[in-house]
Protein backbone atom coordinates (compact mmCIF):
# COMPACT_ATOMS: atom_id res chain seq x y z
CA MET A 1 6.01 98.23 70.34
CA ILE A 2 6.05 98.93 74.14
CA HIS A 3 9.43 99.54 75.43
CA GLU A 4 10.90 96.82 77.95
CA LYS A 5 11.73 99.57 80.40
CA TYR A 6 7.92 100.45 80.84
CA TYR A 7 8.04 96.67 82.20
CA ASN A 8 11.03 97.27 85.07
CA GLU A 9 9.32 100.80 85.79
CA LEU A 10 6.12 99.00 86.56
CA LYS A 11 7.31 96.49 88.71
CA LYS A 12 8.93 98.87 91.07
CA GLN A 13 5.93 101.20 91.02
CA ASN A 14 3.54 97.99 91.80
CA GLU A 15 5.81 97.18 94.63
CA LEU A 16 5.42 100.89 96.11
CA LEU A 17 2.01 101.11 96.13
CA GLU A 18 1.41 97.18 97.38
CA ARG A 19 3.63 98.70 100.33
CA LYS A 20 2.00 98.45 103.91
CA ASN A 21 2.21 101.86 105.59
CA VAL A 22 2.62 101.46 109.20
CA LYS A 23 1.97 103.64 112.36
CA SER A 24 5.70 105.57 113.32
CA ASP A 25 6.52 105.91 117.11
CA PHE A 26 5.68 109.27 117.32
CA TYR A 27 3.17 109.85 120.12
CA ASN A 28 0.73 112.55 122.04
CA GLY A 29 -2.40 110.58 122.29
CA ILE A 30 -4.25 113.01 119.89
CA PHE A 31 -3.20 111.21 116.89
CA ASP A 32 -1.29 108.88 115.13
CA ARG A 33 1.22 109.54 112.47
CA TYR A 34 2.48 106.84 109.49
CA GLU A 35 5.85 106.08 108.30
CA TYR A 36 5.21 106.63 104.34
CA PRO A 37 3.42 109.09 102.77
CA VAL A 38 0.08 107.83 100.73
CA LEU A 39 0.32 109.50 97.59
CA THR A 40 3.39 111.15 96.15
CA ARG A 41 5.02 111.92 92.48
CA ASP A 42 6.09 108.55 92.04
CA HIS A 43 2.74 107.04 93.14
CA THR A 44 1.11 108.86 89.19
CA PRO A 45 0.73 106.25 86.33
CA LEU A 46 3.21 105.63 84.39
CA THR A 47 1.06 106.36 81.37
CA TRP A 48 0.89 110.13 82.77
CA ARG A 49 4.39 110.82 82.50
CA TYR A 50 5.66 108.49 79.72
CA ASP A 51 5.39 107.53 76.01
CA LEU A 52 5.54 103.92 76.10
CA ASN A 53 6.34 103.71 72.49
CA LYS A 54 9.45 102.69 71.87
CA ASP A 55 9.36 104.11 68.26
CA THR A 56 8.59 107.76 69.19
CA ASN A 57 10.25 107.53 72.46
CA PRO A 58 13.63 104.91 72.33
CA PHE A 59 14.98 106.29 75.55
CA PHE A 60 12.31 105.90 77.10
CA MET A 61 12.49 109.63 78.40
CA GLU A 62 9.78 111.17 80.92
CA ARG A 63 8.19 113.53 78.27
CA LEU A 64 5.56 115.25 80.64
CA GLY A 65 7.45 114.74 84.20
CA ILE A 66 5.37 115.27 86.89
CA ASN A 67 6.67 117.27 90.24
CA ALA A 68 4.88 116.80 92.93
CA VAL A 69 1.45 115.34 94.91
CA MET A 70 -0.16 117.32 97.86
CA ASN A 71 -2.74 119.43 99.03
CA SER A 72 -6.11 116.58 98.28
CA GLY A 73 -9.79 117.09 99.12
CA ALA A 74 -10.81 113.87 100.72
CA ILE A 75 -14.78 111.75 100.87
CA TYR A 76 -15.90 108.65 102.10
CA LEU A 77 -18.44 106.90 99.94
CA ASN A 78 -19.41 103.11 99.94
CA GLY A 79 -16.66 101.99 102.18
CA LYS A 80 -13.79 103.62 99.90
CA TYR A 81 -11.61 106.81 101.23
CA TYR A 82 -11.11 108.58 97.84
CA LEU A 83 -8.69 111.89 97.55
CA VAL A 84 -9.04 114.15 94.96
CA ALA A 85 -5.33 115.34 95.15
CA ARG A 86 -3.20 118.23 93.83
CA VAL A 87 -0.88 116.95 91.03
CA GLU A 88 2.02 119.52 90.04
CA GLY A 89 3.56 119.05 86.64
CA ASN A 90 6.91 119.84 86.13
CA ASP A 91 5.67 122.66 83.91
CA ARG A 92 3.97 124.31 86.89
CA LYS A 93 0.90 124.04 86.39
CA SER A 94 -1.40 121.90 88.82
CA PHE A 95 -4.21 120.04 88.19
CA PHE A 96 -6.71 117.58 90.24
CA ALA A 97 -6.74 113.70 90.02
CA VAL A 98 -9.02 111.02 92.11
CA ALA A 99 -7.34 108.38 93.74
CA GLU A 100 -8.68 105.57 95.92
CA SER A 101 -8.01 103.15 98.41
CA ASP A 102 -10.03 100.44 100.65
CA ASN A 103 -8.66 101.54 104.03
CA GLY A 104 -7.37 104.93 103.80
CA ILE A 105 -3.41 105.09 104.50
CA ASP A 106 -1.86 102.50 102.14
CA GLY A 107 -2.92 101.23 98.88
CA PHE A 108 -4.01 104.72 97.06
CA ARG A 109 -4.64 104.13 93.28
CA PHE A 110 -5.09 106.91 90.90
CA HIS A 111 -7.50 106.52 88.41
CA ASP A 112 -6.41 106.07 84.73
CA TYR A 113 -7.31 109.44 83.92
CA PRO A 114 -7.17 112.69 85.74
CA ILE A 115 -10.46 115.61 85.78
CA LEU A 116 -10.44 117.51 83.02
CA LEU A 117 -12.86 120.37 83.82
CA GLU A 118 -15.01 122.54 81.57
CA ASP A 119 -12.90 125.27 80.15
CA THR A 120 -15.19 127.91 81.11
CA CYS A 121 -12.95 130.20 82.79
CA LYS A 122 -10.99 131.46 79.59
CA GLU A 123 -8.09 133.29 81.70
CA GLU A 124 -7.67 130.77 84.18
CA THR A 125 -4.03 129.76 84.29
CA ASN A 126 -3.83 127.08 87.32
CA VAL A 127 -6.50 125.26 89.53
CA TYR A 128 -5.22 123.51 92.58
CA ASP A 129 -6.43 122.73 96.48
CA MET A 130 -9.44 121.38 96.02
CA ARG A 131 -12.25 120.73 99.55
CA LEU A 132 -15.26 118.41 98.87
CA THR A 133 -17.85 118.53 100.54
CA LYS A 134 -20.62 116.03 100.52
CA HIS A 135 -23.71 118.46 100.91
CA GLU A 136 -27.29 117.75 101.99
CA ASP A 137 -28.60 118.41 98.55
CA GLY A 138 -27.87 115.35 97.06
CA TYR A 139 -24.39 116.95 95.50
CA ILE A 140 -20.59 116.36 96.07
CA TYR A 141 -19.26 119.99 95.52
CA GLY A 142 -15.56 120.61 94.80
CA VAL A 143 -14.38 124.11 95.65
CA PHE A 144 -11.01 125.30 94.56
CA CYS A 145 -8.49 128.10 94.17
CA SER A 146 -8.98 129.35 90.68
CA GLU A 147 -5.76 131.28 90.02
CA SER A 148 -5.69 133.86 87.07
CA LYS A 149 -2.76 136.20 85.47
CA ASP A 150 -3.43 140.13 87.41
CA THR A 151 -3.42 142.02 84.08
CA SER A 152 -3.74 145.17 85.99
CA VAL A 153 -0.02 145.73 86.99
CA SER A 154 3.31 145.10 85.19
CA ASP A 155 4.73 142.59 87.96
CA LEU A 156 4.61 139.34 85.68
CA SER A 157 4.13 137.55 88.75
CA ALA A 158 0.87 139.00 90.02
CA ALA A 159 -1.98 136.99 90.31
CA VAL A 160 -5.75 137.10 91.26
CA ALA A 161 -7.12 134.04 92.99
CA ALA A 162 -10.94 133.11 93.38
CA ALA A 163 -12.86 130.23 94.33
CA GLY A 164 -13.72 127.68 91.85
CA ILE A 165 -16.77 125.26 91.85
CA VAL A 166 -17.39 121.83 90.52
CA ARG A 167 -20.09 119.30 91.66
CA THR A 168 -20.50 115.55 90.81
CA LYS A 169 -22.65 112.17 91.96
CA ASP A 170 -19.91 109.67 91.07
CA MET A 171 -16.71 111.24 91.33
CA LYS A 172 -16.34 110.74 87.58
CA THR A 173 -18.28 113.45 85.78
CA TRP A 174 -17.99 116.90 87.08
CA GLU A 175 -20.08 120.26 86.25
CA ARG A 176 -18.92 123.37 86.35
CA LEU A 177 -20.47 126.19 88.06
CA PRO A 178 -19.37 130.19 87.78
CA ASN A 179 -16.82 131.12 90.22
CA LEU A 180 -17.80 132.34 93.92
CA VAL A 181 -18.39 136.08 94.05
CA THR A 182 -17.58 138.02 97.38
CA LEU A 183 -18.55 141.45 96.80
CA HIS A 184 -16.21 143.00 99.30
CA SER A 185 -13.33 140.66 98.95
CA PRO A 186 -10.78 141.40 96.42
CA GLN A 187 -9.70 137.98 96.69
CA GLN A 188 -10.41 134.52 97.74
CA ARG A 189 -8.50 131.27 98.61
CA ASN A 190 -8.82 128.11 101.08
CA VAL A 191 -12.89 128.63 100.15
CA VAL A 192 -14.78 125.32 102.03
CA LEU A 193 -18.68 124.73 101.74
CA HIS A 194 -20.30 124.11 104.33
CA PRO A 195 -22.20 120.04 104.66
CA GLU A 196 -25.63 121.66 105.73
CA PHE A 197 -27.61 124.75 104.50
CA VAL A 198 -27.42 127.59 107.10
CA ASP A 199 -30.62 129.54 107.44
CA GLY A 200 -31.69 127.72 104.38
CA LYS A 201 -28.60 129.19 102.51
CA TYR A 202 -25.23 127.61 101.44
CA ALA A 203 -23.03 128.89 103.47
CA PHE A 204 -18.84 129.03 102.96
CA TYR A 205 -16.01 129.62 105.33
CA THR A 206 -14.01 132.22 103.12
CA ARG A 207 -10.32 133.95 103.33
CA PRO A 208 -10.76 137.73 102.74
CA MET A 209 -7.52 138.78 100.76
CA ASP A 210 -6.27 142.14 99.72
CA ASP A 211 -4.38 140.33 97.28
CA PHE A 212 -2.73 137.26 96.27
CA ILE A 213 -0.09 136.92 98.64
CA GLU A 214 -1.18 139.04 101.34
CA THR A 215 -4.20 138.97 104.05
CA GLY A 216 -4.10 142.88 103.71
CA ASN A 217 -7.37 143.37 105.92
CA GLY A 218 -8.20 140.05 105.92
CA SER A 219 -8.67 138.96 110.03
CA GLY A 220 -8.95 136.01 109.56
CA ILE A 221 -11.56 132.79 108.06
CA GLY A 222 -14.55 134.52 106.78
CA PHE A 223 -18.26 133.23 106.61
CA GLY A 224 -21.30 134.37 104.46
CA LEU A 225 -24.05 132.52 102.70
CA CYS A 226 -25.52 132.35 99.21
CA ASP A 227 -28.94 131.76 98.03
CA ASP A 228 -27.74 129.88 95.11
CA ILE A 229 -24.60 127.49 94.26
CA CYS A 230 -25.17 127.73 90.45
CA GLN A 231 -24.65 131.92 90.96
CA ALA A 232 -23.04 131.98 94.14
CA VAL A 233 -22.39 135.94 95.66
CA ILE A 234 -21.56 136.43 99.16
CA ASP A 235 -22.85 140.10 100.24
CA GLU A 236 -21.07 139.92 103.70
CA GLU A 237 -18.57 138.16 105.22
CA LYS A 238 -18.76 137.65 109.11
CA MET A 239 -15.14 136.42 110.43
CA THR A 240 -14.55 133.35 112.60
CA SER A 241 -11.29 132.16 113.90
CA LEU A 242 -9.00 135.13 114.14
CA ARG A 243 -5.83 135.94 113.37
CA LYS A 244 -3.94 136.89 116.32
CA TYR A 245 -0.39 138.69 117.19
CA HIS A 246 2.47 135.85 118.62
CA THR A 247 0.64 132.73 117.69
CA ILE A 248 0.47 130.47 115.31
CA THR A 249 -1.78 131.97 112.78
CA GLU A 250 -0.50 135.78 113.21
CA ALA A 251 0.51 135.88 109.36
CA LYS A 252 -2.57 134.64 108.21
CA ASN A 253 -4.86 131.63 108.55
CA GLY A 254 -7.40 130.16 106.24
CA ALA A 255 -10.35 127.09 106.41
CA GLY A 256 -8.52 123.50 105.81
CA ALA A 257 -10.71 120.42 105.74
CA VAL A 258 -14.63 120.51 105.61
CA PRO A 259 -16.08 121.03 109.36
CA ILE A 260 -16.63 117.30 111.42
CA LYS A 261 -19.84 117.33 113.07
CA THR A 262 -20.02 116.22 116.17
CA ASN A 263 -23.00 116.27 119.35
CA ARG A 264 -20.61 119.66 120.73
CA GLY A 265 -20.21 121.50 117.55
CA TRP A 266 -18.41 121.74 114.03
CA ILE A 267 -15.28 120.63 114.23
CA HIS A 268 -12.37 122.66 111.66
CA ILE A 269 -9.27 121.85 111.56
CA ALA A 270 -7.79 124.79 109.25
CA HIS A 271 -3.68 126.10 108.93
CA GLY A 272 -2.37 128.97 110.75
CA VAL A 273 0.82 130.85 109.12
CA ARG A 274 3.62 132.79 111.14
CA ASN A 275 6.62 134.17 109.89
CA THR A 276 10.20 133.14 110.82
CA ALA A 277 13.71 133.84 109.42
CA ALA A 278 13.43 131.07 107.41
CA GLY A 279 10.16 132.06 106.03
CA LEU A 280 6.51 131.19 106.31
CA ARG A 281 5.81 128.58 108.95
CA TYR A 282 2.67 126.84 108.00
CA VAL A 283 1.31 124.32 110.58
CA LEU A 284 -2.15 122.58 111.50
CA TYR A 285 -4.85 123.89 114.63
CA ALA A 286 -8.30 123.05 115.04
CA PHE A 287 -11.33 125.07 116.38
CA ALA A 288 -15.02 124.50 116.61
CA THR A 289 -17.95 126.15 116.35
CA ASP A 290 -21.51 126.28 117.24
CA LEU A 291 -23.86 123.92 116.16
CA LYS A 292 -26.68 126.32 115.19
CA ASP A 293 -24.59 129.19 114.08
CA PRO A 294 -21.23 127.54 112.73
CA SER A 295 -20.03 131.19 112.10
CA LYS A 296 -19.42 131.52 115.95
CA VAL A 297 -16.31 129.61 117.76
CA ILE A 298 -16.84 128.33 120.79
CA ALA A 299 -13.50 126.45 121.48
CA GLU A 300 -10.02 126.85 119.84
CA PRO A 301 -7.48 124.43 121.76
CA SER A 302 -3.88 126.34 122.15
CA GLY A 303 -1.33 125.79 119.96
CA LEU A 304 -0.89 123.53 116.84
CA LEU A 305 -2.24 120.33 116.05
CA ILE A 306 0.00 118.97 113.66
CA GLY A 307 3.43 120.68 112.65
CA PRO A 308 5.83 119.66 110.20
CA ARG A 309 8.52 117.20 111.43
CA GLY A 310 11.48 115.71 110.20
CA SER A 311 11.21 114.91 106.53
CA GLU A 312 8.27 116.35 106.34
CA ARG A 313 10.16 119.75 106.76
CA VAL A 314 11.75 119.19 103.10
CA GLY A 315 10.37 119.90 99.97
CA ASP A 316 9.52 122.45 96.80
CA VAL A 317 8.03 124.66 100.19
CA SER A 318 10.18 123.92 103.42
CA ASN A 319 8.84 124.09 106.88
CA VAL A 320 4.77 123.18 105.95
CA VAL A 321 1.96 121.23 106.74
CA PHE A 322 -1.43 121.96 105.04
CA THR A 323 -4.64 120.27 104.59
CA ASN A 324 -7.62 120.58 102.86
CA GLY A 325 -9.30 117.40 103.88
CA ALA A 326 -10.40 114.60 106.71
CA ILE A 327 -12.68 111.86 106.54
CA VAL A 328 -15.04 110.49 109.14
CA ASN A 329 -15.85 106.36 108.81
CA GLU A 330 -18.89 104.83 110.41
CA LYS A 331 -16.79 103.38 112.79
CA GLY A 332 -16.14 106.91 113.99
CA GLU A 333 -12.32 106.75 113.28
CA VAL A 334 -11.20 110.18 111.52
CA TYR A 335 -7.87 110.19 108.86
CA ILE A 336 -6.68 113.62 108.19
CA TYR A 337 -4.73 113.97 105.37
CA TYR A 338 -1.85 116.74 105.20
CA ALA A 339 0.59 117.50 102.45
CA SER A 340 4.33 118.49 103.65
CA SER A 341 6.40 120.53 102.36
CA ASP A 342 4.09 121.14 99.02
CA THR A 343 5.42 117.84 97.91
CA ARG A 344 3.72 114.70 99.20
CA LEU A 345 0.46 113.82 101.18
CA HIS A 346 0.57 111.78 104.64
CA VAL A 347 -2.05 110.73 106.87
CA ALA A 348 -3.01 110.91 110.42
CA THR A 349 -5.35 109.06 111.88
CA THR A 350 -7.28 109.39 115.57
CA THR A 351 -10.82 108.75 116.48
CA MET A 352 -14.01 110.73 116.97
CA ASP A 353 -13.95 110.69 120.80
CA LYS A 354 -10.28 112.33 120.78
CA LEU A 355 -10.63 114.91 118.89
CA ILE A 356 -13.29 115.93 120.32
CA ASP A 357 -11.54 115.56 123.79
CA TYR A 358 -8.57 117.70 122.24
CA VAL A 359 -10.84 120.37 121.08
CA PHE A 360 -12.82 121.14 123.97
CA SER A 361 -10.66 119.49 127.18
CA THR A 362 -7.40 121.67 125.62
CA GLU A 363 -6.81 125.08 127.18
CA GLU A 364 -6.77 127.83 125.04
CA ASP A 365 -3.99 129.85 124.55
CA PRO A 366 -4.26 132.92 127.60
CA GLY A 367 -2.05 135.28 125.20
CA ARG A 368 0.99 136.02 126.84
CA SER A 369 4.05 134.19 128.12
CA VAL A 370 3.84 134.71 132.01
CA LEU A 371 -0.12 133.55 131.74
CA CYS A 372 1.07 130.47 129.67
CA VAL A 373 3.93 129.84 132.08
CA SER A 374 1.33 129.74 134.91
CA GLN A 375 -1.08 127.65 132.95
CA ARG A 376 1.49 125.16 132.80
CA CYS A 377 2.29 125.41 136.61
CA ASP A 378 -1.14 124.87 137.06
CA LEU A 379 -0.72 121.58 135.43
CA ILE A 380 2.47 120.35 136.90
CA SER A 381 1.35 121.23 140.38
CA ARG A 382 -2.09 118.77 139.25
CA ASN A 383 0.58 116.20 138.35
CA LEU A 384 2.97 116.31 140.89
CA GLU A 385 -0.16 115.98 143.67
CA LEU A 386 -1.54 113.03 141.99
CA LEU A 387 2.08 111.11 141.83
CA LYS A 388 2.29 112.17 145.34
CA GLU A 389 -1.31 110.74 146.31
CA SER A 390 -0.33 107.24 144.56
CA ASN A 391 3.05 106.47 146.15
């Protein structure tokens, strides 16, 4: 017998799933924010959390609780918006689950079952943060962090991060491939597969790391090529977007969404991290690389693109926004999916025209306060002159 409380909870959840999202009053001319997250723990099916049988669950308790839904890969297929979300259980283990929507801003519903990966890495403990790439070879690839215990040290929290790879053609059946190997980087996180071949090879954006937390000698986002994605080995990593002192990327940075192709270059939406008295602060920033040489940065607007605001700053890991998915539809509308404070998932919307203008027309950071003030004074002077002429 199904517990009667199930129907009460189902009614509440349906109201949440059917709630329309609306634009907030936030304005900067670049993108729009929305009032409500697109995915939270409360969006996950009740059948994932509760035993519905009254005989075996008389108090209708959560048996397998879910703590958070966050960092999601994103892809647009056949007129629908798909997210592969990181779902974190109360047990701290993360897994992947597909949610889809007709409009990309609300109405996301999870498929009946989460993704059960092939158990090919027996040492693997946790998986998270999948990037989805629709590659020109015909497959959709998911590249994610594969985490294992570091058995070389006694520290119980020490871990090893590698880039896992899966592929699919229907978002239902997933083939697990061997993890990416980078010969000169001990660990990898935030790895993104480029959507096109480069010099006839598969191209990856990497984040070289000396250990699980610290980048060490890693100076930014890397770029490397491999011949065979079924046995992916990168023997050389060039650096693209570099970490810089006293900027939003000072502590570390990493690739985010799959690069967006435009007629002026590949636009990247990445994350940058700096240290503060309150801990690490994660924000999003944008840059562009050359169409023919995707490792070459050709534009890097000053400062952050999206930072945590208001309630976004509060969560399991506060003062954080993070992205690993963005979508461009056939109308040139752009949907940037970003998580806040490792707890919930939001969307920001813009257009290709606006994004191109932002990336290629916004001035770069000159690097010193006196130069930044001079840059701002030039803007003020131009504006005051324009206002004077218009009166």
